[in-house]
Structure formats: structure tokens, C-alpha cells
Amino acid sequence: MYYRLNGVTQRLTGAPTSAYVPQGLKPGLPAEPSPLIFASPTKLVSEAASQAEYLGANRVPALQKMFQKADGIPVHLKRGVMDKMLYRTTMGLTIGGALYCVMALYIAAQPRK
């Protein structure tokens, strides 16, 4: 006898033999396996396969020259004003956060009256 879970009572109840058909034992299934999902290519191969899909300008050589120039400026500040503003903002927030932590510890160390 086969059993199945009753959805209403949440108990096992008897089930007819037709209710139990495990996968792979169904009558009439073909003997060969189904094809793989990713067996076929997702893109068609074109004649220009060696050409890159992104056709924008290659800026890497120019950026390499700029970052490798020996001018005494740190790497994180080489791109100009925006880098300087980001660096100074980060340093200001870091110092302000450290001071706030020290102040909070000082206030927490004081006994309550």
C-alpha cells in the first residue's frame, strides 16, 4: 500500500497504486536521455569572432602612462580635483568619527549622578 500526505489534515492517508509513480519508472518514457539545457551555443558564431564586442576607445595605455609617471603625486590623487575632494572627504569623516568615538567613550566613563 502507498501513502500520501493529506493537505487538509496533514496526516498520511492511503493512496491507490496509480498515485505512486516515481520519476524514471513511468511507462512509455523514451530510453534516450533528454538533451542538456546548455548543450547548444547561446550565441551564433560570426565571421568576425576575433573582433571585440565593445568598440569604444582603449584608454588603458593612456591611463598606464598617467599612473606610472614619476611626478611625486600618490596614485590615489593622480586624476585631479575629484580625487583630492574624495580623499579629503574620506579623511575628514574618518577623523570626525574617531573623535566622536573618543567623546562617546569619555561620556560613557563618567559616573551618573
PDB file of N, CA and C in Angstrom:
ATOM      1  N   MET A   1       0.846  -1.179   0.000  1.00  0.00           N
ATOM      2  CA  MET A   1       0.000   0.000   0.000  1.00  0.00           C
ATOM      3  C   MET A   1       0.888   1.238   0.000  1.00  0.00           C
ATOM      4  N   TYR A   2       0.427   2.259  -0.701  1.00  0.00           N
ATOM      5  CA  TYR A   2       1.155   3.513  -0.795  1.00  0.00           C
ATOM      6  C   TYR A   2       0.458   4.577   0.038  1.00  0.00           C
ATOM      7  N   TYR A   3       1.238   5.545   0.461  1.00  0.00           N
ATOM      8  CA  TYR A   3       0.703   6.610   1.304  1.00  0.00           C
ATOM      9  C   TYR A   3       1.011   7.955   0.672  1.00  0.00           C
ATOM     10  N   ARG A   4       0.184   8.922   0.999  1.00  0.00           N
ATOM     11  CA  ARG A   4       0.441  10.300   0.583  1.00  0.00           C
ATOM     12  C   ARG A   4      -0.001  11.228   1.709  1.00  0.00           C
ATOM     13  N   LEU A   5       0.510  12.443   1.688  1.00  0.00           N
ATOM     14  CA  LEU A   5       0.205  13.423   2.725  1.00  0.00           C
ATOM     15  C   LEU A   5      -1.093  14.133   2.366  1.00  0.00           C
ATOM     16  N   ASN A   6      -2.023  14.135   3.278  1.00  0.00           N
ATOM     17  CA  ASN A   6      -3.282  14.830   3.085  1.00  0.00           C
ATOM     18  C   ASN A   6      -3.044  16.313   3.343  1.00  0.00           C
ATOM     19  N   GLY A   7      -3.412  17.157   2.419  1.00  0.00           N
ATOM     20  CA  GLY A   7      -3.173  18.583   2.542  1.00  0.00           C
ATOM     21  C   GLY A   7      -4.024  19.265   3.577  1.00  0.00           C
ATOM     22  N   VAL A   8      -5.164  18.689   3.925  1.00  0.00           N
ATOM     23  CA  VAL A   8      -6.074  19.307   4.887  1.00  0.00           C
ATOM     24  C   VAL A   8      -5.699  18.909   6.310  1.00  0.00           C
ATOM     25  N   THR A   9      -5.571  17.603   6.541  1.00  0.00           N
ATOM     26  CA  THR A   9      -5.325  17.135   7.900  1.00  0.00           C
ATOM     27  C   THR A   9      -3.843  17.017   8.232  1.00  0.00           C
ATOM     28  N   GLN A  10      -2.985  17.104   7.235  1.00  0.00           N
ATOM     29  CA  GLN A  10      -1.540  16.979   7.405  1.00  0.00           C
ATOM     30  C   GLN A  10      -1.169  15.618   7.984  1.00  0.00           C
ATOM     31  N   ARG A  11      -1.907  14.585   7.595  1.00  0.00           N
ATOM     32  CA  ARG A  11      -1.626  13.221   8.025  1.00  0.00           C
ATOM     33  C   ARG A  11      -1.433  12.346   6.802  1.00  0.00           C
ATOM     34  N   LEU A  12      -0.788  11.223   7.015  1.00  0.00           N
ATOM     35  CA  LEU A  12      -0.621  10.265   5.938  1.00  0.00           C
ATOM     36  C   LEU A  12      -1.921   9.500   5.746  1.00  0.00           C
ATOM     37  N   THR A  13      -2.328   9.388   4.505  1.00  0.00           N
ATOM     38  CA  THR A  13      -3.527   8.632   4.173  1.00  0.00           C
ATOM     39  C   THR A  13      -3.180   7.621   3.095  1.00  0.00           C
ATOM     40  N   GLY A  14      -3.992   6.612   2.963  1.00  0.00           N
ATOM     41  CA  GLY A  14      -3.780   5.601   1.938  1.00  0.00           C
ATOM     42  C   GLY A  14      -3.995   6.192   0.558  1.00  0.00           C
ATOM     43  N   ALA A  15      -3.231   5.698  -0.406  1.00  0.00           N
ATOM     44  CA  ALA A  15      -3.354   6.183  -1.772  1.00  0.00           C
ATOM     45  C   ALA A  15      -3.386   4.989  -2.706  1.00  0.00           C
ATOM     46  N   PRO A  16      -4.099   5.099  -3.805  1.00  0.00           N
ATOM     47  CA  PRO A  16      -4.103   3.997  -4.771  1.00  0.00           C
ATOM     48  C   PRO A  16      -2.729   3.851  -5.425  1.00  0.00           C
ATOM     49  N   THR A  17      -2.480   2.713  -6.021  1.00  0.00           N
ATOM     50  CA  THR A  17      -1.168   2.460  -6.623  1.00  0.00           C
ATOM     51  C   THR A  17      -0.898   3.377  -7.793  1.00  0.00           C
ATOM     52  N   SER A  18      -1.916   3.947  -8.400  1.00  0.00           N
ATOM     53  CA  SER A  18      -1.685   4.862  -9.530  1.00  0.00           C
ATOM     54  C   SER A  18      -1.137   6.201  -9.059  1.00  0.00           C
ATOM     55  N   ALA A  19      -1.289   6.522  -7.780  1.00  0.00           N
ATOM     56  CA  ALA A  19      -0.776   7.786  -7.269  1.00  0.00           C
ATOM     57  C   ALA A  19       0.726   7.753  -7.088  1.00  0.00           C
ATOM     58  N   TYR A  20       1.285   6.551  -6.962  1.00  0.00           N
ATOM     59  CA  TYR A  20       2.725   6.431  -6.752  1.00  0.00           C
ATOM     60  C   TYR A  20       3.393   6.057  -8.048  1.00  0.00           C
ATOM     61  N   VAL A  21       3.980   7.036  -8.694  1.00  0.00           N
ATOM     62  CA  VAL A  21       4.731   6.800  -9.922  1.00  0.00           C
ATOM     63  C   VAL A  21       6.031   7.585  -9.805  1.00  0.00           C
ATOM     64  N   PRO A  22       7.091   6.975  -9.292  1.00  0.00           N
ATOM     65  CA  PRO A  22       8.348   7.709  -9.169  1.00  0.00           C
ATOM     66  C   PRO A  22       8.919   8.055 -10.533  1.00  0.00           C
ATOM     67  N   GLN A  23       9.644   9.138 -10.571  1.00  0.00           N
ATOM     68  CA  GLN A  23      10.213   9.591 -11.827  1.00  0.00           C
ATOM     69  C   GLN A  23      11.193   8.546 -12.344  1.00  0.00           C
ATOM     70  N   GLY A  24      11.148   8.260 -13.619  1.00  0.00           N
ATOM     71  CA  GLY A  24      12.025   7.281 -14.221  1.00  0.00           C
ATOM     72  C   GLY A  24      11.364   5.933 -14.383  1.00  0.00           C
ATOM     73  N   LEU A  25      10.272   5.678 -13.669  1.00  0.00           N
ATOM     74  CA  LEU A  25       9.580   4.405 -13.784  1.00  0.00           C
ATOM     75  C   LEU A  25       8.257   4.534 -14.516  1.00  0.00           C
ATOM     76  N   LYS A  26       7.985   5.702 -15.073  1.00  0.00           N
ATOM     77  CA  LYS A  26       6.740   5.904 -15.796  1.00  0.00           C
ATOM     78  C   LYS A  26       6.759   5.072 -17.083  1.00  0.00           C
ATOM     79  N   PRO A  27       5.677   4.431 -17.388  1.00  0.00           N
ATOM     80  CA  PRO A  27       5.643   3.678 -18.638  1.00  0.00           C
ATOM     81  C   PRO A  27       5.596   4.617 -19.835  1.00  0.00           C
ATOM     82  N   GLY A  28       6.272   4.227 -20.893  1.00  0.00           N
ATOM     83  CA  GLY A  28       6.224   4.997 -22.121  1.00  0.00           C
ATOM     84  C   GLY A  28       7.287   6.079 -22.231  1.00  0.00           C
ATOM     85  N   LEU A  29       8.228   6.188 -21.317  1.00  0.00           N
ATOM     86  CA  LEU A  29       9.287   7.181 -21.441  1.00  0.00           C
ATOM     87  C   LEU A  29      10.314   6.709 -22.457  1.00  0.00           C
ATOM     88  N   PRO A  30      10.870   7.598 -23.239  1.00  0.00           N
ATOM     89  CA  PRO A  30      11.899   7.187 -24.196  1.00  0.00           C
ATOM     90  C   PRO A  30      13.158   6.730 -23.461  1.00  0.00           C
ATOM     91  N   ALA A  31      13.907   5.839 -24.074  1.00  0.00           N
ATOM     92  CA  ALA A  31      15.102   5.287 -23.452  1.00  0.00           C
ATOM     93  C   ALA A  31      16.273   6.266 -23.466  1.00  0.00           C
ATOM     94  N   GLU A  32      16.331   7.154 -24.465  1.00  0.00           N
ATOM     95  CA  GLU A  32      17.463   8.088 -24.539  1.00  0.00           C
ATOM     96  C   GLU A  32      17.230   9.261 -23.585  1.00  0.00           C
ATOM     97  N   PRO A  33      18.299   9.792 -23.047  1.00  0.00           N
ATOM     98  CA  PRO A  33      18.154  10.923 -22.113  1.00  0.00           C
ATOM     99  C   PRO A  33      17.765  12.193 -22.853  1.00  0.00           C
ATOM    100  N   SER A  34      17.184  13.115 -22.130  1.00  0.00           N
ATOM    101  CA  SER A  34      16.821  14.392 -22.724  1.00  0.00           C
ATOM    102  C   SER A  34      18.083  15.203 -22.988  1.00  0.00           C
ATOM    103  N   PRO A  35      18.062  16.092 -23.981  1.00  0.00           N
ATOM    104  CA  PRO A  35      19.270  16.876 -24.288  1.00  0.00           C
ATOM    105  C   PRO A  35      19.587  17.845 -23.159  1.00  0.00           C
ATOM    106  N   LEU A  36      20.855  18.154 -23.023  1.00  0.00           N
ATOM    107  CA  LEU A  36      21.281  19.093 -21.993  1.00  0.00           C
ATOM    108  C   LEU A  36      20.745  20.478 -22.288  1.00  0.00           C
ATOM    109  N   ILE A  37      20.498  21.235 -21.247  1.00  0.00           N
ATOM    110  CA  ILE A  37      19.950  22.571 -21.420  1.00  0.00           C
ATOM    111  C   ILE A  37      20.960  23.483 -22.112  1.00  0.00           C
ATOM    112  N   PHE A  38      22.229  23.387 -21.699  1.00  0.00           N
ATOM    113  CA  PHE A  38      23.245  24.283 -22.230  1.00  0.00           C
ATOM    114  C   PHE A  38      24.086  23.610 -23.305  1.00  0.00           C
ATOM    115  N   ALA A  39      23.563  22.588 -23.960  1.00  0.00           N
ATOM    116  CA  ALA A  39      24.330  21.888 -24.977  1.00  0.00           C
ATOM    117  C   ALA A  39      24.476  22.734 -26.240  1.00  0.00           C
ATOM    118  N   SER A  40      23.480  23.540 -26.562  1.00  0.00           N
ATOM    119  CA  SER A  40      23.569  24.362 -27.767  1.00  0.00           C
ATOM    120  C   SER A  40      24.189  25.708 -27.414  1.00  0.00           C
ATOM    121  N   PRO A  41      24.939  26.282 -28.345  1.00  0.00           N
ATOM    122  CA  PRO A  41      25.570  27.582 -28.051  1.00  0.00           C
ATOM    123  C   PRO A  41      24.509  28.673 -27.933  1.00  0.00           C
ATOM    124  N   THR A  42      24.787  29.639 -27.067  1.00  0.00           N
ATOM    125  CA  THR A  42      23.831  30.719 -26.868  1.00  0.00           C
ATOM    126  C   THR A  42      24.023  31.844 -27.879  1.00  0.00           C
ATOM    127  N   LYS A  43      25.212  31.941 -28.454  1.00  0.00           N
ATOM    128  CA  LYS A  43      25.474  32.958 -29.460  1.00  0.00           C
ATOM    129  C   LYS A  43      25.893  32.272 -30.748  1.00  0.00           C
ATOM    130  N   LEU A  44      25.492  32.853 -31.833  1.00  0.00           N
ATOM    131  CA  LEU A  44      25.917  32.325 -33.112  1.00  0.00           C
ATOM    132  C   LEU A  44      27.340  32.773 -33.399  1.00  0.00           C
ATOM    133  N   VAL A  45      28.113  31.891 -33.971  1.00  0.00           N
ATOM    134  CA  VAL A  45      29.497  32.216 -34.294  1.00  0.00           C
ATOM    135  C   VAL A  45      29.497  33.023 -35.575  1.00  0.00           C
ATOM    136  N   SER A  46      30.115  34.191 -35.539  1.00  0.00           N
ATOM    137  CA  SER A  46      30.169  35.035 -36.722  1.00  0.00           C
ATOM    138  C   SER A  46      31.555  34.969 -37.343  1.00  0.00           C
ATOM    139  N   GLU A  47      31.675  35.567 -38.505  1.00  0.00           N
ATOM    140  CA  GLU A  47      32.968  35.577 -39.191  1.00  0.00           C
ATOM    141  C   GLU A  47      33.967  36.474 -38.478  1.00  0.00           C
ATOM    142  N   ALA A  48      33.500  37.502 -37.803  1.00  0.00           N
ATOM    143  CA  ALA A  48      34.373  38.450 -37.114  1.00  0.00           C
ATOM    144  C   ALA A  48      34.482  38.083 -35.635  1.00  0.00           C
ATOM    145  N   ALA A  49      34.789  36.842 -35.341  1.00  0.00           N
ATOM    146  CA  ALA A  49      34.855  36.395 -33.953  1.00  0.00           C
ATOM    147  C   ALA A  49      36.026  37.016 -33.212  1.00  0.00           C
ATOM    148  N   SER A  50      37.074  37.388 -33.924  1.00  0.00           N
ATOM    149  CA  SER A  50      38.235  37.961 -33.254  1.00  0.00           C
ATOM    150  C   SER A  50      38.024  39.422 -32.882  1.00  0.00           C
ATOM    151  N   GLN A  51      37.018  40.068 -33.441  1.00  0.00           N
ATOM    152  CA  GLN A  51      36.748  41.469 -33.147  1.00  0.00           C
ATOM    153  C   GLN A  51      36.016  41.580 -31.817  1.00  0.00           C
ATOM    154  N   ALA A  52      36.425  42.523 -30.987  1.00  0.00           N
ATOM    155  CA  ALA A  52      35.811  42.702 -29.672  1.00  0.00           C
ATOM    156  C   ALA A  52      34.408  43.253 -29.822  1.00  0.00           C
ATOM    157  N   GLU A  53      33.517  42.887 -28.875  1.00  0.00           N
ATOM    158  CA  GLU A  53      32.149  43.388 -28.914  1.00  0.00           C
ATOM    159  C   GLU A  53      32.087  44.859 -28.518  1.00  0.00           C
ATOM    160  N   TYR A  54      32.938  45.277 -27.573  1.00  0.00           N
ATOM    161  CA  TYR A  54      32.967  46.670 -27.139  1.00  0.00           C
ATOM    162  C   TYR A  54      33.877  47.428 -28.082  1.00  0.00           C
ATOM    163  N   LEU A  55      33.327  48.366 -28.805  1.00  0.00           N
ATOM    164  CA  LEU A  55      34.108  49.077 -29.815  1.00  0.00           C
ATOM    165  C   LEU A  55      34.498  50.473 -29.357  1.00  0.00           C
ATOM    166  N   GLY A  56      34.503  50.738 -28.051  1.00  0.00           N
ATOM    167  CA  GLY A  56      34.921  52.029 -27.537  1.00  0.00           C
ATOM    168  C   GLY A  56      36.434  52.184 -27.624  1.00  0.00           C
ATOM    169  N   ALA A  57      36.902  53.385 -27.356  1.00  0.00           N
ATOM    170  CA  ALA A  57      38.336  53.654 -27.414  1.00  0.00           C
ATOM    171  C   ALA A  57      39.043  52.955 -26.259  1.00  0.00           C
ATOM    172  N   ASN A  58      40.216  52.429 -26.518  1.00  0.00           N
ATOM    173  CA  ASN A  58      41.012  51.766 -25.488  1.00  0.00           C
ATOM    174  C   ASN A  58      41.792  52.830 -24.728  1.00  0.00           C
ATOM    175  N   ARG A  59      41.414  53.063 -23.479  1.00  0.00           N
ATOM    176  CA  ARG A  59      42.058  54.109 -22.686  1.00  0.00           C
ATOM    177  C   ARG A  59      43.141  53.567 -21.772  1.00  0.00           C
ATOM    178  N   VAL A  60      43.371  52.274 -21.786  1.00  0.00           N
ATOM    179  CA  VAL A  60      44.322  51.669 -20.858  1.00  0.00           C
ATOM    180  C   VAL A  60      45.743  52.201 -21.059  1.00  0.00           C
ATOM    181  N   PRO A  61      46.276  52.301 -22.278  1.00  0.00           N
ATOM    182  CA  PRO A  61      47.649  52.820 -22.406  1.00  0.00           C
ATOM    183  C   PRO A  61      47.811  54.247 -21.867  1.00  0.00           C
ATOM    184  N   ALA A  62      46.820  55.089 -22.109  1.00  0.00           N
ATOM    185  CA  ALA A  62      46.907  56.468 -21.608  1.00  0.00           C
ATOM    186  C   ALA A  62      46.861  56.496 -20.080  1.00  0.00           C
ATOM    187  N   LEU A  63      45.994  55.671 -19.486  1.00  0.00           N
ATOM    188  CA  LEU A  63      45.917  55.623 -18.023  1.00  0.00           C
ATOM    189  C   LEU A  63      47.191  55.036 -17.427  1.00  0.00           C
ATOM    190  N   GLN A  64      47.799  54.053 -18.100  1.00  0.00           N
ATOM    191  CA  GLN A  64      49.060  53.493 -17.616  1.00  0.00           C
ATOM    192  C   GLN A  64      50.153  54.550 -17.607  1.00  0.00           C
ATOM    193  N   LYS A  65      50.205  55.351 -18.671  1.00  0.00           N
ATOM    194  CA  LYS A  65      51.220  56.416 -18.710  1.00  0.00           C
ATOM    195  C   LYS A  65      50.991  57.422 -17.594  1.00  0.00           C
ATOM    196  N   MET A  66      49.728  57.785 -17.360  1.00  0.00           N
ATOM    197  CA  MET A  66      49.423  58.779 -16.335  1.00  0.00           C
ATOM    198  C   MET A  66      49.760  58.249 -14.933  1.00  0.00           C
ATOM    199  N   PHE A  67      49.392  57.021 -14.634  1.00  0.00           N
ATOM    200  CA  PHE A  67      49.623  56.488 -13.302  1.00  0.00           C
ATOM    201  C   PHE A  67      51.076  56.101 -13.052  1.00  0.00           C
ATOM    202  N   GLN A  68      51.835  55.791 -14.096  1.00  0.00           N
ATOM    203  CA  GLN A  68      53.225  55.384 -13.916  1.00  0.00           C
ATOM    204  C   GLN A  68      54.204  56.545 -14.004  1.00  0.00           C
ATOM    205  N   LYS A  69      53.699  57.743 -14.241  1.00  0.00           N
ATOM    206  CA  LYS A  69      54.570  58.922 -14.325  1.00  0.00           C
ATOM    207  C   LYS A  69      55.165  59.214 -12.950  1.00  0.00           C
ATOM    208  N   ALA A  70      56.474  59.446 -12.898  1.00  0.00           N
ATOM    209  CA  ALA A  70      57.166  59.715 -11.632  1.00  0.00           C
ATOM    210  C   ALA A  70      57.136  61.213 -11.350  1.00  0.00           C
ATOM    211  N   ASP A  71      56.015  61.710 -10.810  1.00  0.00           N
ATOM    212  CA  ASP A  71      55.899  63.139 -10.505  1.00  0.00           C
ATOM    213  C   ASP A  71      55.725  63.400  -9.019  1.00  0.00           C
ATOM    214  N   GLY A  72      55.826  62.380  -8.185  1.00  0.00           N
ATOM    215  CA  GLY A  72      55.753  62.555  -6.751  1.00  0.00           C
ATOM    216  C   GLY A  72      54.345  62.599  -6.180  1.00  0.00           C
ATOM    217  N   ILE A  73      53.331  62.511  -7.012  1.00  0.00           N
ATOM    218  CA  ILE A  73      51.944  62.530  -6.533  1.00  0.00           C
ATOM    219  C   ILE A  73      51.524  61.084  -6.248  1.00  0.00           C
ATOM    220  N   PRO A  74      50.874  60.827  -5.111  1.00  0.00           N
ATOM    221  CA  PRO A  74      50.409  59.460  -4.833  1.00  0.00           C
ATOM    222  C   PRO A  74      49.400  58.994  -5.891  1.00  0.00           C
ATOM    223  N   VAL A  75      49.333  57.706  -6.080  1.00  0.00           N
ATOM    224  CA  VAL A  75      48.480  57.126  -7.123  1.00  0.00           C
ATOM    225  C   VAL A  75      47.013  57.493  -6.904  1.00  0.00           C
ATOM    226  N   HIS A  76      46.561  57.517  -5.648  1.00  0.00           N
ATOM    227  CA  HIS A  76      45.155  57.798  -5.386  1.00  0.00           C
ATOM    228  C   HIS A  76      44.782  59.263  -5.584  1.00  0.00           C
ATOM    229  N   LEU A  77      45.738  60.122  -5.929  1.00  0.00           N
ATOM    230  CA  LEU A  77      45.447  61.535  -6.181  1.00  0.00           C
ATOM    231  C   LEU A  77      45.821  61.972  -7.595  1.00  0.00           C
ATOM    232  N   LYS A  78      46.200  61.059  -8.461  1.00  0.00           N
ATOM    233  CA  LYS A  78      46.726  61.423  -9.785  1.00  0.00           C
ATOM    234  C   LYS A  78      45.675  61.926 -10.765  1.00  0.00           C
ATOM    235  N   ARG A  79      44.396  61.670 -10.536  1.00  0.00           N
ATOM    236  CA  ARG A  79      43.404  62.045 -11.545  1.00  0.00           C
ATOM    237  C   ARG A  79      42.808  63.424 -11.331  1.00  0.00           C
ATOM    238  N   GLY A  80      43.320  64.197 -10.381  1.00  0.00           N
ATOM    239  CA  GLY A  80      42.911  65.585 -10.306  1.00  0.00           C
ATOM    240  C   GLY A  80      42.056  65.966  -9.115  1.00  0.00           C
ATOM    241  N   VAL A  81      41.197  66.983  -9.337  1.00  0.00           N
ATOM    242  CA  VAL A  81      40.441  67.643  -8.292  1.00  0.00           C
ATOM    243  C   VAL A  81      39.440  66.686  -7.625  1.00  0.00           C
ATOM    244  N   MET A  82      38.760  65.853  -8.398  1.00  0.00           N
ATOM    245  CA  MET A  82      37.774  64.947  -7.817  1.00  0.00           C
ATOM    246  C   MET A  82      38.434  63.945  -6.872  1.00  0.00           C
ATOM    247  N   ASP A  83      39.624  63.468  -7.223  1.00  0.00           N
ATOM    248  CA  ASP A  83      40.341  62.559  -6.336  1.00  0.00           C
ATOM    249  C   ASP A  83      40.729  63.255  -5.033  1.00  0.00           C
ATOM    250  N   LYS A  84      41.152  64.510  -5.137  1.00  0.00           N
ATOM    251  CA  LYS A  84      41.527  65.266  -3.942  1.00  0.00           C
ATOM    252  C   LYS A  84      40.317  65.498  -3.045  1.00  0.00           C
ATOM    253  N   MET A  85      39.170  65.836  -3.649  1.00  0.00           N
ATOM    254  CA  MET A  85      37.962  66.061  -2.850  1.00  0.00           C
ATOM    255  C   MET A  85      37.507  64.759  -2.168  1.00  0.00           C
ATOM    256  N   LEU A  86      37.545  63.663  -2.887  1.00  0.00           N
ATOM    257  CA  LEU A  86      37.154  62.383  -2.309  1.00  0.00           C
ATOM    258  C   LEU A  86      38.097  61.984  -1.176  1.00  0.00           C
ATOM    259  N   TYR A  87      39.391  62.188  -1.373  1.00  0.00           N
ATOM    260  CA  TYR A  87      40.376  61.850  -0.346  1.00  0.00           C
ATOM    261  C   TYR A  87      40.174  62.706   0.903  1.00  0.00           C
ATOM    262  N   ARG A  88      39.987  64.003   0.712  1.00  0.00           N
ATOM    263  CA  ARG A  88      39.825  64.900   1.866  1.00  0.00           C
ATOM    264  C   ARG A  88      38.504  64.626   2.596  1.00  0.00           C
ATOM    265  N   THR A  89      37.450  64.324   1.863  1.00  0.00           N
ATOM    266  CA  THR A  89      36.174  63.995   2.498  1.00  0.00           C
ATOM    267  C   THR A  89      36.306  62.715   3.328  1.00  0.00           C
ATOM    268  N   THR A  90      36.976  61.717   2.757  1.00  0.00           N
ATOM    269  CA  THR A  90      37.172  60.458   3.470  1.00  0.00           C
ATOM    270  C   THR A  90      38.000  60.668   4.732  1.00  0.00           C
ATOM    271  N   MET A  91      39.059  61.424   4.627  1.00  0.00           N
ATOM    272  CA  MET A  91      39.903  61.685   5.797  1.00  0.00           C
ATOM    273  C   MET A  91      39.153  62.489   6.846  1.00  0.00           C
ATOM    274  N   GLY A  92      38.357  63.477   6.422  1.00  0.00           N
ATOM    275  CA  GLY A  92      37.571  64.270   7.364  1.00  0.00           C
ATOM    276  C   GLY A  92      36.561  63.418   8.118  1.00  0.00           C
ATOM    277  N   LEU A  93      35.850  62.545   7.385  1.00  0.00           N
ATOM    278  CA  LEU A  93      34.878  61.672   8.041  1.00  0.00           C
ATOM    279  C   LEU A  93      35.565  60.677   8.971  1.00  0.00           C
ATOM    280  N   THR A  94      36.740  60.207   8.600  1.00  0.00           N
ATOM    281  CA  THR A  94      37.466  59.264   9.453  1.00  0.00           C
ATOM    282  C   THR A  94      37.915  59.926  10.743  1.00  0.00           C
ATOM    283  N   ILE A  95      38.476  61.110  10.643  1.00  0.00           N
ATOM    284  CA  ILE A  95      38.936  61.832  11.835  1.00  0.00           C
ATOM    285  C   ILE A  95      37.738  62.234  12.700  1.00  0.00           C
ATOM    286  N   GLY A  96      36.652  62.710  12.052  1.00  0.00           N
ATOM    287  CA  GLY A  96      35.451  63.071  12.807  1.00  0.00           C
ATOM    288  C   GLY A  96      34.852  61.868  13.531  1.00  0.00           C
ATOM    289  N   GLY A  97      34.834  60.709  12.883  1.00  0.00           N
ATOM    290  CA  GLY A  97      34.315  59.500  13.517  1.00  0.00           C
ATOM    291  C   GLY A  97      35.178  59.061  14.681  1.00  0.00           C
ATOM    292  N   ALA A  98      36.495  59.176  14.525  1.00  0.00           N
ATOM    293  CA  ALA A  98      37.393  58.797  15.616  1.00  0.00           C
ATOM    294  C   ALA A  98      37.199  59.729  16.815  1.00  0.00           C
ATOM    295  N   LEU A  99      37.059  61.028  16.553  1.00  0.00           N
ATOM    296  CA  LEU A  99      36.826  61.978  17.642  1.00  0.00           C
ATOM    297  C   LEU A  99      35.482  61.720  18.321  1.00  0.00           C
ATOM    298  N   TYR A 100      34.470  61.391  17.552  1.00  0.00           N
ATOM    299  CA  TYR A 100      33.163  61.085  18.131  1.00  0.00           C
ATOM    300  C   TYR A 100      33.239  59.832  19.007  1.00  0.00           C
ATOM    301  N   CYS A 101      33.993  58.835  18.582  1.00  0.00           N
ATOM    302  CA  CYS A 101      34.158  57.627  19.401  1.00  0.00           C
ATOM    303  C   CYS A 101      34.854  57.949  20.715  1.00  0.00           C
ATOM    304  N   VAL A 102      35.895  58.773  20.678  1.00  0.00           N
ATOM    305  CA  VAL A 102      36.604  59.154  21.902  1.00  0.00           C
ATOM    306  C   VAL A 102      35.665  59.920  22.827  1.00  0.00           C
ATOM    307  N   MET A 103      34.867  60.829  22.256  1.00  0.00           N
ATOM    308  CA  MET A 103      33.929  61.604  23.064  1.00  0.00           C
ATOM    309  C   MET A 103      32.865  60.682  23.682  1.00  0.00           C
ATOM    310  N   ALA A 104      32.349  59.738  22.922  1.00  0.00           N
ATOM    311  CA  ALA A 104      31.339  58.823  23.436  1.00  0.00           C
ATOM    312  C   ALA A 104      31.923  57.954  24.547  1.00  0.00           C
ATOM    313  N   LEU A 105      33.153  57.508  24.405  1.00  0.00           N
ATOM    314  CA  LEU A 105      33.795  56.729  25.460  1.00  0.00           C
ATOM    315  C   LEU A 105      34.007  57.575  26.713  1.00  0.00           C
ATOM    316  N   TYR A 106      34.385  58.837  26.539  1.00  0.00           N
ATOM    317  CA  TYR A 106      34.587  59.724  27.681  1.00  0.00           C
ATOM    318  C   TYR A 106      33.277  59.940  28.431  1.00  0.00           C
ATOM    319  N   ILE A 107      32.183  60.163  27.679  1.00  0.00           N
ATOM    320  CA  ILE A 107      30.881  60.374  28.324  1.00  0.00           C
ATOM    321  C   ILE A 107      30.414  59.097  29.017  1.00  0.00           C
ATOM    322  N   ALA A 108      30.658  57.940  28.398  1.00  0.00           N
ATOM    323  CA  ALA A 108      30.233  56.676  28.986  1.00  0.00           C
ATOM    324  C   ALA A 108      31.041  56.346  30.236  1.00  0.00           C
ATOM    325  N   ALA A 109      32.264  56.865  30.345  1.00  0.00           N
ATOM    326  CA  ALA A 109      33.112  56.563  31.501  1.00  0.00           C
ATOM    327  C   ALA A 109      32.754  57.423  32.711  1.00  0.00           C
ATOM    328  N   GLN A 110      32.018  58.486  32.528  1.00  0.00           N
ATOM    329  CA  GLN A 110      31.643  59.351  33.629  1.00  0.00           C
ATOM    330  C   GLN A 110      30.505  58.709  34.430  1.00  0.00           C
ATOM    331  N   PRO A 111      30.591  58.718  35.752  1.00  0.00           N
ATOM    332  CA  PRO A 111      29.503  58.143  36.555  1.00  0.00           C
ATOM    333  C   PRO A 111      28.273  59.050  36.515  1.00  0.00           C
ATOM    334  N   ARG A 112      27.107  58.423  36.581  1.00  0.00           N
ATOM    335  CA  ARG A 112      25.861  59.195  36.593  1.00  0.00           C
ATOM    336  C   ARG A 112      25.604  59.708  37.999  1.00  0.00           C
ATOM    337  N   LYS A 113      25.032  60.874  38.068  1.00  0.00           N
ATOM    338  CA  LYS A 113      24.767  61.484  39.376  1.00  0.00           C
ATOM    339  C   LYS A 113      23.464  61.036  39.946  1.00  0.00           C
TER     340      LYS A 113
END
